[in-house]
Amino acid sequence: MSSYSLNRFLTVLLFVKLILSATITYNWDVTWVSVNPDGQAVRPAVGINGQWPCPTINANIGDTVVVNVNNQLINETTSIHFHGLRQQGTSSMDGPVGATQCPILPGGSFTYEFVVNQPGTYWYHSHDAGQYPDGFRGPLIVHDPASPYAGQYDEEIVLTLTDWYHDQMPQLLNYYLNASANTDGSEPVPYSNLLNENQDIKLNIQPGKTYFVRVISMAAFAATYLQFDQHDMTIIEIDGVYTQPQTVSSLYVTAAQRYGVLMKAKNTTNQNYAFISSFDLNMFDSVPAYLNPNVTGHLVYNDSAPLPAEPVVQAFNTYNDFDLIPQDQQSLLPSPDKVVAINFGFMVMDGQNRAVMNNVTYVPQKVPTLYTALTTSSFATNPLVYGVNSNSYVLDYNSIVEIRLANYDTNSHPFHLHGHQFQVIYRSPPDVLPGTSSPAQVSEASDSTASNTPISSSPVPNYTASRSVPMRRDTVQVYAGGYIILRFKADNPGIFLFHCHIEWHVEAGMTATMIEAPLQLQTTQSVPAAHNATCQANGTPTWGNAAGNTVNFLDLNGANTAPMPDPSGALV
């Protein structure tokens, strides 16, 4: 094909894409709703337009999504993060309060607008003050007419996995972070396991059909096993990345992960089948008597046939997601230009149970980090301007970045990177790090000096990248006492958090900030005026370094260096 013909073809293709793309608008009033999904206790939940569960966002690849939010909660601020979306060119729409925006005050409005250029299974949730376990969470599906699996299934099913608490998050956070009351730092254990935010769901199944089941964990804490009785699943997608097909009998899904699977229905209607979601009890420091870790749903082939009891599963035979192969065959990225080495664990600081990454506990700064990156000129490449407790790492544009994450805790952790789907280069077995893992290894004094010294001086052991085509996703489990090696290309200018997706640990400070290509960010993006107005309504500065200094960007006097005495939020 000649150069002229190729250019003409690409121009026509772009024109067709523009014609086919649509603008999908959602107008949402965020409200309190009384709910009782497990049948045990009525409590308030954060709903949308007076309804709960929250609705699904549906879009096609290439569409523009507009979400107009009005906060009618009266007593709590809010925000929305669209989990897994890269937000290429729209960092201001990513949603985490303190990083890319100010909180939406009660009575306030805010508009998110972005183009979805990636297909797959995603979700949205509040990213403010630990709010989403109180119900502000829902599926986000980006359909792909050009999917490599188009034509191989008949219908889609969205299946969410969630944990449910009877108490509201402000009360639970006050307890969890209070080192005097919660002396061992144990996370609150949920009361119930939910499927599609319920405990009695029935999926109507037609014999002979193939279903594309989009499995989404919207949990705050629990990891979950999922198994359909007498029905295998074929994995074709993880976290928005198409994979080569892999047939499995069950899934292990951590908080915030997603799987797309094909499930072939039976050819007869003589019986119905159960499926089970079961919490991984190893995630909990103790198992309270009130907890039923299992919830059962049903595949209904015949309304007249009985519904079977919960299946008895002696052991879940799960597949290691590390072994999944991306369908696009993206090869191993080259050796890194920048290595970000992070060790993490827990400690007590100023009477609070805190998480630390390289001995720094994350604290939101006076100026949201995106605003600092946009307003500090060439100083934006200096991590100091973002404040020590933003735990910031500056990444050069188009550099290859490798994160070496070492877990000095006795439990596993699901880590999520905003703005990217990373390659998982290596994951160690559990309990391989030296001295794993006593919180006493970290002294309060070491943190108070704002040191960047790792929790343990021992480096991540040598590793060998064992896959020429590594698995990619945006949320990955790092085992207790183990480490993981992640790699990505810094081709998305913006501010992107890297954090454990156990919500207790987010609020305890287990977060780092990736400052990606800040000089390119300054020339290609800006913050909508209405977003600045939201900050003004909060009394939050939108200019200068982390301390709000607009004269000397390296003077951080007054920057936030300690967590708030009490977690924000209010009970209804």
Protein backbone atom coordinates (compact mmCIF):
# COMPACT_ATOMS: atom_id res chain seq x y z
CA MET A 1 0.00 0.00 0.00
CA SER A 2 1.39 3.43 -0.97
CA SER A 3 1.97 6.15 1.64
CA TYR A 4 -0.91 8.15 0.15
CA SER A 5 -3.27 5.17 0.27
CA LEU A 6 -2.28 4.34 3.86
CA ASN A 7 -2.83 7.92 5.00
CA ARG A 8 -6.21 8.04 3.23
CA PHE A 9 -7.22 4.74 4.84
CA LEU A 10 -6.23 5.97 8.32
CA THR A 11 -8.10 9.23 7.77
CA VAL A 12 -11.26 7.38 6.75
CA LEU A 13 -10.87 5.02 9.74
CA LEU A 14 -10.55 7.97 12.12
CA PHE A 15 -13.61 9.63 10.57
CA VAL A 16 -15.66 6.45 10.94
CA LYS A 17 -14.56 6.13 14.56
CA LEU A 18 -15.63 9.72 15.27
CA ILE A 19 -19.01 9.11 13.64
CA LEU A 20 -19.59 5.93 15.63
CA SER A 21 -18.42 7.36 18.97
CA ALA A 22 -21.06 8.72 21.31
CA THR A 23 -21.24 10.89 24.40
CA ILE A 24 -22.72 8.96 27.33
CA THR A 25 -24.04 11.26 30.06
CA TYR A 26 -25.00 10.28 33.60
CA ASN A 27 -26.62 12.75 36.00
CA TRP A 28 -26.11 11.51 39.52
CA ASP A 29 -27.36 12.78 42.84
CA VAL A 30 -25.29 11.03 45.51
CA THR A 31 -27.66 10.25 48.36
CA TRP A 32 -28.13 8.15 51.48
CA VAL A 33 -30.31 5.06 51.02
CA SER A 34 -31.51 2.61 53.70
CA VAL A 35 -30.49 -0.94 52.74
CA ASN A 36 -30.34 -4.45 54.17
CA PRO A 37 -28.59 -6.64 51.58
CA ASP A 38 -27.75 -9.53 53.91
CA GLY A 39 -31.09 -9.52 55.72
CA GLN A 40 -29.41 -8.95 59.08
CA ALA A 41 -29.36 -5.19 59.66
CA VAL A 42 -30.81 -2.06 58.07
CA ARG A 43 -28.18 0.63 57.63
CA PRO A 44 -27.48 3.69 55.46
CA ALA A 45 -25.55 3.22 52.22
CA VAL A 46 -24.27 5.70 49.68
CA GLY A 47 -26.52 5.38 46.64
CA ILE A 48 -27.21 7.23 43.40
CA ASN A 49 -30.49 8.98 42.63
CA GLY A 50 -32.08 7.36 45.67
CA GLN A 51 -31.20 3.84 44.51
CA TRP A 52 -28.77 1.17 45.66
CA PRO A 53 -26.94 -0.86 44.37
CA CYS A 54 -25.30 1.83 42.28
CA PRO A 55 -25.91 1.62 38.51
CA THR A 56 -23.56 0.24 35.88
CA ILE A 57 -21.75 2.61 33.55
CA ASN A 58 -21.88 1.19 30.02
CA ALA A 59 -19.87 2.60 27.11
CA ASN A 60 -18.29 1.49 23.86
CA ILE A 61 -14.63 1.95 23.18
CA GLY A 62 -14.09 5.47 21.84
CA ASP A 63 -17.10 6.97 23.64
CA THR A 64 -16.95 10.07 25.82
CA VAL A 65 -18.31 9.48 29.31
CA VAL A 66 -19.72 12.44 31.26
CA VAL A 67 -20.73 12.00 34.89
CA ASN A 68 -22.40 15.02 36.50
CA VAL A 69 -22.23 14.56 40.28
CA ASN A 70 -24.25 16.43 42.86
CA ASN A 71 -23.37 15.56 46.46
CA GLN A 72 -26.55 15.34 48.52
CA LEU A 73 -25.04 13.35 51.39
CA ILE A 74 -25.40 16.40 53.70
CA ASN A 75 -22.68 15.22 56.11
CA GLU A 76 -19.89 13.76 53.95
CA THR A 77 -17.71 14.82 51.06
CA THR A 78 -17.16 12.51 48.10
CA SER A 79 -15.38 11.85 44.79
CA ILE A 80 -15.30 9.14 42.09
CA HIS A 81 -12.35 7.11 40.80
CA PHE A 82 -12.87 5.09 37.62
CA HIS A 83 -10.78 2.09 38.53
CA GLY A 84 -8.52 0.74 35.80
CA LEU A 85 -9.05 3.52 33.25
CA ARG A 86 -5.77 5.08 32.15
CA GLN A 87 -7.20 8.60 31.93
CA GLN A 88 -4.77 9.32 29.12
CA GLY A 89 -4.69 13.11 28.80
CA THR A 90 -7.29 13.57 31.56
CA SER A 91 -5.40 13.14 34.83
CA SER A 92 -7.74 15.64 36.51
CA MET A 93 -10.58 13.12 36.07
CA ASP A 94 -8.91 10.27 37.98
CA GLY A 95 -10.73 11.05 41.23
CA PRO A 96 -8.54 10.50 44.33
CA VAL A 97 -9.00 13.37 46.76
CA GLY A 98 -5.72 15.07 47.62
CA ALA A 99 -3.99 13.70 44.53
CA THR A 100 -5.96 14.99 41.51
CA GLN A 101 -8.88 16.90 43.01
CA CYS A 102 -10.48 18.43 46.08
CA PRO A 103 -13.42 16.71 47.79
CA ILE A 104 -16.92 17.49 46.57
CA LEU A 105 -18.63 19.23 49.48
CA PRO A 106 -22.22 18.47 50.52
CA GLY A 107 -24.42 20.43 48.15
CA GLY A 108 -21.56 20.77 45.67
CA SER A 109 -21.42 19.61 42.05
CA PHE A 110 -18.59 18.23 39.95
CA THR A 111 -18.30 16.92 36.39
CA TYR A 112 -16.07 14.07 35.23
CA GLU A 113 -15.53 13.87 31.47
CA PHE A 114 -13.18 11.52 29.66
CA VAL A 115 -12.82 9.34 26.57
CA VAL A 116 -12.61 5.57 27.07
CA ASN A 117 -9.98 4.22 24.69
CA GLN A 118 -9.56 0.83 26.34
CA PRO A 119 -12.04 -2.03 26.34
CA GLY A 120 -12.71 -4.24 29.31
CA THR A 121 -14.18 -4.81 32.74
CA TYR A 122 -13.74 -1.97 35.23
CA TRP A 123 -15.54 -0.36 38.14
CA TYR A 124 -15.95 2.99 39.84
CA HIS A 125 -15.86 3.93 43.49
CA SER A 126 -15.48 6.81 45.88
CA HIS A 127 -11.84 7.70 46.53
CA ASP A 128 -12.43 9.90 49.57
CA ALA A 129 -12.02 9.15 53.27
CA GLY A 130 -12.54 5.40 52.98
CA GLN A 131 -16.10 5.91 51.76
CA TYR A 132 -16.65 3.24 49.12
CA PRO A 133 -17.29 0.29 51.50
CA ASP A 134 -20.38 2.24 52.59
CA GLY A 135 -21.83 1.43 49.18
CA PHE A 136 -20.49 3.99 46.68
CA ARG A 137 -19.24 1.48 44.10
CA GLY A 138 -20.49 0.07 40.81
CA PRO A 139 -19.47 -1.69 37.58
CA LEU A 140 -18.02 0.14 34.57
CA ILE A 141 -18.08 -1.84 31.32
CA VAL A 142 -16.37 -0.76 28.09
CA HIS A 143 -17.69 -2.85 25.19
CA ASP A 144 -15.47 -3.69 22.25
CA PRO A 145 -16.99 -4.58 18.87
CA ALA A 146 -13.50 -5.57 17.69
CA SER A 147 -12.84 -7.94 20.59
CA PRO A 148 -10.76 -10.98 19.60
CA TYR A 149 -13.52 -13.02 21.28
CA ALA A 150 -16.42 -11.35 19.47
CA GLY A 151 -18.83 -13.98 18.19
CA GLN A 152 -17.71 -16.57 20.73
CA TYR A 153 -20.43 -15.79 23.29
CA ASP A 154 -24.14 -15.07 23.21
CA GLU A 155 -24.77 -12.86 26.22
CA GLU A 156 -22.91 -10.94 28.95
CA ILE A 157 -23.38 -11.22 32.71
CA VAL A 158 -21.90 -8.80 35.25
CA LEU A 159 -21.13 -10.46 38.60
CA THR A 160 -19.79 -8.35 41.47
CA LEU A 161 -18.10 -9.73 44.60
CA THR A 162 -18.24 -7.57 47.71
CA ASP A 163 -17.81 -7.66 51.46
CA TRP A 164 -20.36 -5.95 53.67
CA TYR A 165 -20.11 -4.20 57.04
CA HIS A 166 -22.98 -3.35 59.36
CA ASP A 167 -21.24 -0.28 60.78
CA GLN A 168 -20.32 2.80 58.77
CA MET A 169 -16.76 3.56 57.78
CA PRO A 170 -16.12 6.66 59.94
CA GLN A 171 -16.86 4.64 63.08
CA LEU A 172 -14.84 1.65 61.87
CA LEU A 173 -11.90 3.83 60.82
CA ASN A 174 -11.86 5.57 64.18
CA TYR A 175 -11.51 2.17 65.82
CA TYR A 176 -9.03 0.67 63.33
CA LEU A 177 -6.60 3.60 63.40
CA ASN A 178 -6.78 4.08 67.18
CA ALA A 179 -3.74 2.23 68.54
CA SER A 180 -5.04 2.43 72.12
CA ALA A 181 -8.34 0.73 71.28
CA ASN A 182 -7.06 -1.56 68.49
CA THR A 183 -3.80 -2.62 70.08
CA ASP A 184 -2.82 -5.25 67.52
CA GLY A 185 -3.82 -3.21 64.46
CA SER A 186 -6.29 -5.81 63.21
CA GLU A 187 -8.57 -4.78 60.37
CA PRO A 188 -12.33 -4.93 60.98
CA VAL A 189 -13.78 -8.12 59.51
CA PRO A 190 -16.92 -7.80 57.37
CA TYR A 191 -20.23 -9.33 58.39
CA SER A 192 -21.26 -10.79 55.06
CA ASN A 193 -20.27 -11.88 51.59
CA LEU A 194 -22.40 -10.44 48.75
CA LEU A 195 -22.99 -11.31 45.09
CA ASN A 196 -24.28 -8.38 43.06
CA GLU A 197 -24.74 -6.60 46.40
CA ASN A 198 -27.19 -9.31 47.53
CA GLN A 199 -27.26 -12.79 49.04
CA ASP A 200 -29.89 -14.52 46.94
CA ILE A 201 -29.17 -13.99 43.27
CA LYS A 202 -30.43 -16.08 40.38
CA LEU A 203 -28.87 -15.94 36.93
CA ASN A 204 -31.26 -17.13 34.22
CA ILE A 205 -29.38 -19.44 31.87
CA GLN A 206 -30.43 -20.67 28.44
CA PRO A 207 -29.23 -24.16 27.48
CA GLY A 208 -26.42 -24.31 24.95
CA LYS A 209 -25.54 -20.65 25.16
CA THR A 210 -22.10 -19.28 26.02
CA TYR A 211 -21.94 -16.43 28.53
CA PHE A 212 -19.26 -13.79 28.95
CA VAL A 213 -19.22 -13.35 32.74
CA ARG A 214 -17.54 -10.16 33.92
CA VAL A 215 -16.37 -10.80 37.49
CA ILE A 216 -15.60 -7.66 39.49
CA SER A 217 -14.32 -7.54 43.05
CA MET A 218 -15.58 -4.33 44.65
CA ALA A 219 -14.50 -5.54 48.11
CA ALA A 220 -12.93 -3.33 50.73
CA PHE A 221 -10.84 -6.08 52.31
CA ALA A 222 -11.69 -9.69 51.52
CA ALA A 223 -10.24 -11.80 48.75
CA THR A 224 -12.69 -14.31 47.31
CA TYR A 225 -12.83 -17.76 45.75
CA LEU A 226 -15.48 -18.18 43.05
CA GLN A 227 -16.67 -21.51 41.65
CA PHE A 228 -19.65 -22.59 39.50
CA ASP A 229 -20.83 -26.11 40.23
CA GLN A 230 -20.21 -28.39 37.21
CA HIS A 231 -19.36 -25.41 34.97
CA ASP A 232 -15.80 -24.55 34.03
CA MET A 233 -14.71 -21.02 33.22
CA THR A 234 -12.35 -19.92 30.44
CA ILE A 235 -10.42 -16.78 31.34
CA ILE A 236 -10.18 -14.35 28.40
CA GLU A 237 -9.59 -11.03 30.19
CA ILE A 238 -8.00 -9.71 33.37
CA ASP A 239 -8.27 -6.06 34.44
CA GLY A 240 -9.05 -4.96 30.89
CA VAL A 241 -6.28 -7.01 29.24
CA TYR A 242 -7.34 -9.74 26.82
CA THR A 243 -5.58 -13.03 27.53
CA GLN A 244 -5.07 -16.25 25.69
CA PRO A 245 -7.91 -18.58 26.77
CA GLN A 246 -7.26 -20.51 29.96
CA THR A 247 -9.85 -22.94 31.34
CA VAL A 248 -10.16 -23.11 35.13
CA SER A 249 -12.54 -24.59 37.69
CA SER A 250 -12.36 -21.66 40.12
CA LEU A 251 -11.01 -18.14 40.50
CA TYR A 252 -9.13 -16.37 43.29
CA VAL A 253 -10.03 -12.68 43.14
CA THR A 254 -8.43 -10.07 45.38
CA ALA A 255 -10.00 -6.73 46.22
CA ALA A 256 -10.32 -4.58 43.06
CA GLN A 257 -9.36 -7.28 40.54
CA ARG A 258 -11.53 -8.27 37.57
CA TYR A 259 -11.79 -11.37 35.40
CA GLY A 260 -13.65 -11.90 32.15
CA VAL A 261 -14.57 -15.56 31.65
CA LEU A 262 -16.54 -17.58 29.14
CA MET A 263 -18.96 -20.10 30.63
CA LYS A 264 -20.67 -22.68 28.43
CA ALA A 265 -24.19 -23.61 29.52
CA LYS A 266 -25.39 -27.20 29.70
CA ASN A 267 -27.57 -28.45 26.89
CA THR A 268 -30.43 -29.63 29.11
CA THR A 269 -32.85 -27.98 31.53
CA ASN A 270 -33.46 -30.88 33.89
CA GLN A 271 -31.73 -29.20 36.84
CA ASN A 272 -30.34 -25.96 38.22
CA TYR A 273 -26.85 -25.39 39.59
CA ALA A 274 -25.37 -23.46 42.49
CA PHE A 275 -22.28 -21.31 42.52
CA ILE A 276 -20.33 -20.15 45.53
CA SER A 277 -18.30 -17.14 46.58
CA SER A 278 -16.13 -17.84 49.62
CA PHE A 279 -13.87 -15.45 51.54
CA ASP A 280 -10.19 -16.30 51.94
CA LEU A 281 -10.12 -16.52 55.73
CA ASN A 282 -6.34 -16.23 55.76
CA MET A 283 -6.79 -12.50 55.10
CA PHE A 284 -8.34 -12.02 58.55
CA ASP A 285 -6.34 -11.89 61.78
CA SER A 286 -9.26 -13.65 63.45
CA VAL A 287 -12.59 -15.05 62.30
CA PRO A 288 -15.49 -13.71 64.37
CA ALA A 289 -18.44 -15.92 65.21
CA TYR A 290 -20.85 -13.66 63.30
CA LEU A 291 -19.14 -14.18 59.95
CA ASN A 292 -20.58 -16.47 57.29
CA PRO A 293 -17.76 -16.40 54.73
CA ASN A 294 -19.83 -17.99 51.96
CA VAL A 295 -22.65 -16.79 49.75
CA THR A 296 -24.48 -18.92 47.18
CA GLY A 297 -26.08 -17.95 43.89
CA HIS A 298 -27.86 -20.09 41.33
CA LEU A 299 -27.71 -20.75 37.62
CA VAL A 300 -31.39 -21.20 36.82
CA TYR A 301 -32.12 -23.37 33.80
CA ASN A 302 -35.61 -24.36 34.90
CA ASP A 303 -37.90 -22.24 37.08
CA SER A 304 -39.83 -25.35 38.07
CA ALA A 305 -36.81 -27.30 39.26
CA PRO A 306 -35.53 -26.97 42.85
CA LEU A 307 -32.58 -24.78 43.70
CA PRO A 308 -29.67 -26.89 44.97
CA ALA A 309 -27.98 -26.29 48.29
CA GLU A 310 -24.62 -24.62 48.65
CA PRO A 311 -22.00 -26.88 47.06
CA VAL A 312 -19.45 -28.46 49.34
CA VAL A 313 -15.95 -27.54 48.14
CA GLN A 314 -13.13 -29.33 49.94
CA ALA A 315 -10.48 -27.14 48.31
CA PHE A 316 -10.53 -24.53 45.57
CA ASN A 317 -8.23 -25.43 42.70
CA THR A 318 -7.22 -21.95 41.53
CA TYR A 319 -5.01 -20.89 38.65
CA ASN A 320 -1.96 -18.67 39.21
CA ASP A 321 -2.70 -15.41 37.37
CA PHE A 322 1.06 -14.93 36.84
CA ASP A 323 0.87 -17.66 34.19
CA LEU A 324 -1.77 -15.93 32.06
CA ILE A 325 -0.52 -14.70 28.67
CA PRO A 326 -1.80 -11.44 27.12
CA GLN A 327 -3.55 -12.02 23.83
CA ASP A 328 -1.68 -9.13 22.16
CA GLN A 329 1.68 -10.79 22.90
CA GLN A 330 3.28 -7.58 24.23
CA SER A 331 6.87 -8.58 24.88
CA LEU A 332 8.89 -7.97 28.01
CA LEU A 333 9.78 -4.29 28.28
CA PRO A 334 13.50 -3.46 28.14
CA SER A 335 15.69 -2.95 31.20
CA PRO A 336 14.40 -0.12 33.36
CA ASP A 337 15.56 3.48 33.18
CA LYS A 338 14.30 4.02 36.72
CA VAL A 339 13.90 1.58 39.60
CA VAL A 340 11.44 2.42 42.37
CA ALA A 341 12.27 0.17 45.33
CA ILE A 342 9.59 0.14 48.04
CA ASN A 343 9.43 -1.85 51.26
CA PHE A 344 6.23 -1.66 53.27
CA GLY A 345 4.86 -2.63 56.65
CA PHE A 346 3.07 -1.18 59.69
CA MET A 347 3.89 0.89 62.77
CA VAL A 348 2.32 3.04 65.47
CA MET A 349 2.71 6.79 65.01
CA ASP A 350 1.19 9.54 67.15
CA GLY A 351 -1.24 7.05 68.65
CA GLN A 352 -2.44 5.74 65.30
CA ASN A 353 -1.96 2.42 63.56
CA ARG A 354 -0.21 3.50 60.36
CA ALA A 355 1.07 1.84 57.21
CA VAL A 356 4.47 2.92 55.89
CA MET A 357 6.20 2.64 52.53
CA ASN A 358 9.95 3.18 52.91
CA ASN A 359 9.14 4.44 56.42
CA VAL A 360 6.83 7.17 55.08
CA THR A 361 3.10 7.17 55.81
CA TYR A 362 1.06 8.87 53.10
CA VAL A 363 -0.65 12.09 54.11
CA PRO A 364 -2.60 14.27 51.63
CA GLN A 365 -0.98 17.66 51.18
CA LYS A 366 -2.40 21.18 51.45
CA VAL A 367 -2.32 21.52 47.67
CA PRO A 368 -3.54 18.54 45.62
CA THR A 369 -0.53 16.94 43.98
CA LEU A 370 -1.78 17.48 40.41
CA TYR A 371 -2.11 21.21 41.06
CA THR A 372 1.46 21.34 42.38
CA ALA A 373 2.73 19.55 39.28
CA LEU A 374 0.96 22.06 37.03
CA THR A 375 2.03 25.23 38.86
CA THR A 376 5.67 24.80 39.91
CA SER A 377 7.30 25.22 36.49
CA SER A 378 10.61 23.36 36.17
CA PHE A 379 10.60 22.60 39.90
CA ALA A 380 7.90 20.02 39.15
CA THR A 381 10.65 17.50 38.41
CA ASN A 382 11.92 17.79 42.00
CA PRO A 383 10.07 15.35 44.29
CA LEU A 384 10.59 17.69 47.24
CA VAL A 385 7.94 20.14 46.02
CA TYR A 386 5.24 17.50 46.54
CA GLY A 387 5.97 17.07 50.24
CA VAL A 388 7.73 14.17 51.91
CA ASN A 389 4.50 12.51 53.00
CA SER A 390 3.04 12.40 49.50
CA ASN A 391 5.69 9.69 49.02
CA SER A 392 6.36 10.92 45.48
CA TYR A 393 8.52 9.50 42.70
CA VAL A 394 9.14 11.57 39.57
CA LEU A 395 9.17 9.57 36.33
CA ASP A 396 10.67 10.85 33.06
CA TYR A 397 8.46 10.80 29.98
CA ASN A 398 8.58 7.49 28.09
CA SER A 399 11.05 5.99 30.56
CA ILE A 400 10.81 2.32 31.50
CA VAL A 401 9.96 2.12 35.19
CA GLU A 402 10.41 -0.92 37.41
CA ILE A 403 8.73 -1.11 40.82
CA ARG A 404 10.33 -3.55 43.25
CA LEU A 405 7.81 -4.00 46.02
CA ALA A 406 8.74 -5.92 49.17
CA ASN A 407 6.06 -6.97 51.66
CA TYR A 408 7.36 -7.01 55.24
CA ASP A 409 3.92 -7.87 56.59
CA THR A 410 2.52 -11.26 57.58
CA ASN A 411 -0.48 -10.94 55.24
CA SER A 412 -0.81 -10.63 51.47
CA HIS A 413 -1.72 -7.30 49.86
CA PRO A 414 -3.40 -6.40 46.53
CA PHE A 415 -1.54 -3.41 45.00
CA HIS A 416 -3.11 -1.14 42.38
CA LEU A 417 -1.43 1.39 40.09
CA HIS A 418 -3.60 4.17 38.70
CA GLY A 419 -3.09 5.09 35.04
CA HIS A 420 -1.41 1.87 33.86
CA GLN A 421 -1.61 -1.85 33.28
CA PHE A 422 1.85 -3.03 34.38
CA GLN A 423 3.78 -6.10 33.37
CA VAL A 424 4.27 -8.55 36.23
CA ILE A 425 7.89 -9.55 35.74
CA TYR A 426 8.37 -11.71 38.82
CA ARG A 427 6.46 -12.71 41.95
CA SER A 428 8.23 -14.50 44.75
CA PRO A 429 6.70 -17.18 46.94
CA PRO A 430 5.63 -16.06 50.43
CA ASP A 431 8.01 -15.74 53.38
CA VAL A 432 11.26 -15.29 51.46
CA LEU A 433 12.32 -11.85 52.72
CA PRO A 434 14.86 -11.75 55.55
CA GLY A 435 13.44 -10.95 58.96
CA THR A 436 9.82 -11.03 57.82
CA SER A 437 7.97 -9.28 59.36
CA SER A 438 7.86 -7.54 62.68
CA PRO A 439 6.40 -4.03 62.81
CA ALA A 440 8.90 -3.41 65.60
CA GLN A 441 11.59 -3.27 62.92
CA VAL A 442 10.33 0.24 62.18
CA SER A 443 10.78 2.78 64.93
CA GLU A 444 8.57 5.82 65.36
CA ALA A 445 11.71 7.95 65.47
CA SER A 446 12.78 6.83 62.01
CA ASP A 447 9.51 8.09 60.53
CA SER A 448 9.52 11.38 62.39
CA THR A 449 12.78 12.33 60.66
CA ALA A 450 11.05 11.93 57.26
CA SER A 451 13.68 9.36 56.38
CA ASN A 452 13.43 7.46 53.13
CA THR A 453 15.35 4.53 54.57
CA PRO A 454 13.62 1.23 53.79
CA ILE A 455 11.96 -0.77 56.54
CA SER A 456 14.63 -3.40 56.05
CA SER A 457 18.06 -2.63 54.64
CA SER A 458 18.01 -5.96 52.83
CA PRO A 459 17.41 -5.42 49.08
CA VAL A 460 14.98 -7.44 47.02
CA PRO A 461 16.84 -10.64 46.13
CA ASN A 462 18.03 -11.24 42.60
CA TYR A 463 15.34 -12.40 40.22
CA THR A 464 15.00 -13.63 36.67
CA ALA A 465 12.21 -12.50 34.38
CA SER A 466 10.79 -15.89 33.44
CA ARG A 467 8.28 -14.73 30.82
CA SER A 468 9.09 -13.21 27.43
CA VAL A 469 5.43 -12.14 27.30
CA PRO A 470 4.54 -11.20 30.90
CA MET A 471 1.06 -11.06 32.36
CA ARG A 472 -0.37 -7.53 32.59
CA ARG A 473 -3.03 -6.10 34.89
CA ASP A 474 -3.60 -3.08 37.15
CA THR A 475 -4.08 -4.84 40.52
CA VAL A 476 -1.84 -7.67 41.71
CA GLN A 477 -1.34 -9.67 44.89
CA VAL A 478 2.04 -9.58 46.66
CA TYR A 479 2.37 -12.48 49.06
CA ALA A 480 3.11 -12.22 52.78
CA GLY A 481 6.84 -11.88 53.32
CA GLY A 482 7.37 -11.87 49.57
CA TYR A 483 8.11 -9.39 46.80
CA ILE A 484 6.97 -8.56 43.31
CA ILE A 485 8.58 -6.89 40.29
CA LEU A 486 6.41 -4.69 38.05
CA ARG A 487 7.38 -2.83 34.88
CA PHE A 488 5.63 -0.19 32.75
CA LYS A 489 6.36 2.62 30.33
CA ALA A 490 5.80 6.15 31.65
CA ASP A 491 3.85 7.31 28.60
CA ASN A 492 0.86 8.82 30.42
CA PRO A 493 1.66 12.27 31.86
CA GLY A 494 -0.26 12.71 35.09
CA ILE A 495 -0.46 12.03 38.81
CA PHE A 496 -1.11 8.38 39.62
CA LEU A 497 -1.32 6.70 43.01
CA PHE A 498 0.21 3.31 43.77
CA HIS A 499 -1.42 1.75 46.80
CA CYS A 500 -2.71 -1.32 48.53
CA HIS A 501 -6.39 -1.72 47.67
CA ILE A 502 -7.41 -2.93 51.11
CA GLU A 503 -9.31 0.19 52.11
CA TRP A 504 -8.12 0.06 55.72
CA HIS A 505 -4.54 0.27 54.50
CA VAL A 506 -5.26 3.13 52.10
CA GLU A 507 -6.59 5.18 55.01
CA ALA A 508 -3.62 4.12 57.13
CA GLY A 509 -1.19 5.56 54.55
CA MET A 510 -0.05 2.63 52.36
CA THR A 511 0.23 4.83 49.27
CA ALA A 512 2.93 6.25 47.02
CA THR A 513 2.52 8.85 44.27
CA MET A 514 3.89 8.55 40.75
CA ILE A 515 4.58 11.99 39.26
CA GLU A 516 4.63 11.02 35.61
CA ALA A 517 6.26 13.34 33.06
CA PRO A 518 5.35 16.59 34.88
CA LEU A 519 6.84 18.93 32.25
CA GLN A 520 4.84 17.25 29.47
CA LEU A 521 1.82 17.38 31.78
CA GLN A 522 2.18 21.16 32.08
CA THR A 523 2.07 21.66 28.30
CA THR A 524 -0.75 19.23 27.49
CA GLN A 525 -3.27 19.32 30.35
CA SER A 526 -5.05 21.76 32.61
CA VAL A 527 -7.62 21.65 35.38
CA PRO A 528 -11.21 22.67 34.50
CA ALA A 529 -12.26 25.93 36.09
CA ALA A 530 -15.14 24.20 37.86
CA HIS A 531 -12.66 21.88 39.60
CA ASN A 532 -10.73 24.91 40.85
CA ALA A 533 -14.01 26.29 42.16
CA THR A 534 -14.52 23.08 44.14
CA CYS A 535 -11.15 23.66 45.82
CA GLN A 536 -12.04 27.28 46.53
CA ALA A 537 -15.25 26.13 48.20
CA ASN A 538 -13.11 23.87 50.41
CA GLY A 539 -10.66 26.67 51.18
CA THR A 540 -7.93 24.60 49.50
CA PRO A 541 -5.14 26.37 47.60
CA THR A 542 -4.64 25.39 43.97
CA TRP A 543 -1.20 26.84 43.35
CA GLY A 544 2.31 26.19 44.61
CA ASN A 545 4.15 23.42 46.39
CA ALA A 546 2.66 20.95 48.85
CA ALA A 547 2.60 23.62 51.56
CA GLY A 548 0.96 26.20 49.29
CA ASN A 549 4.15 28.23 48.96
CA THR A 550 4.03 30.08 45.64
CA VAL A 551 7.27 32.03 46.10
CA ASN A 552 9.89 29.47 47.13
CA PHE A 553 8.85 26.07 45.83
CA LEU A 554 11.54 24.32 47.88
CA ASP A 555 10.31 25.82 51.15
CA LEU A 556 8.00 23.13 52.53
CA ASN A 557 7.42 24.80 55.87
CA GLY A 558 3.82 24.08 56.80
CA ALA A 559 3.38 21.02 54.59
CA ASN A 560 1.32 18.19 56.06
CA THR A 561 3.68 15.68 57.65
CA ALA A 562 1.42 13.91 60.14
CA PRO A 563 -1.93 12.18 59.80
CA MET A 564 -5.05 13.92 61.02
CA PRO A 565 -5.81 13.26 64.70
CA ASP A 566 -9.18 11.76 63.74
CA PRO A 567 -10.27 10.31 60.39
CA SER A 568 -12.64 12.50 58.40
CA GLY A 569 -16.21 11.51 57.78
CA ALA A 570 -19.44 11.54 59.74
CA LEU A 571 -22.08 9.06 60.78
CA VAL A 572 -25.64 9.43 59.59
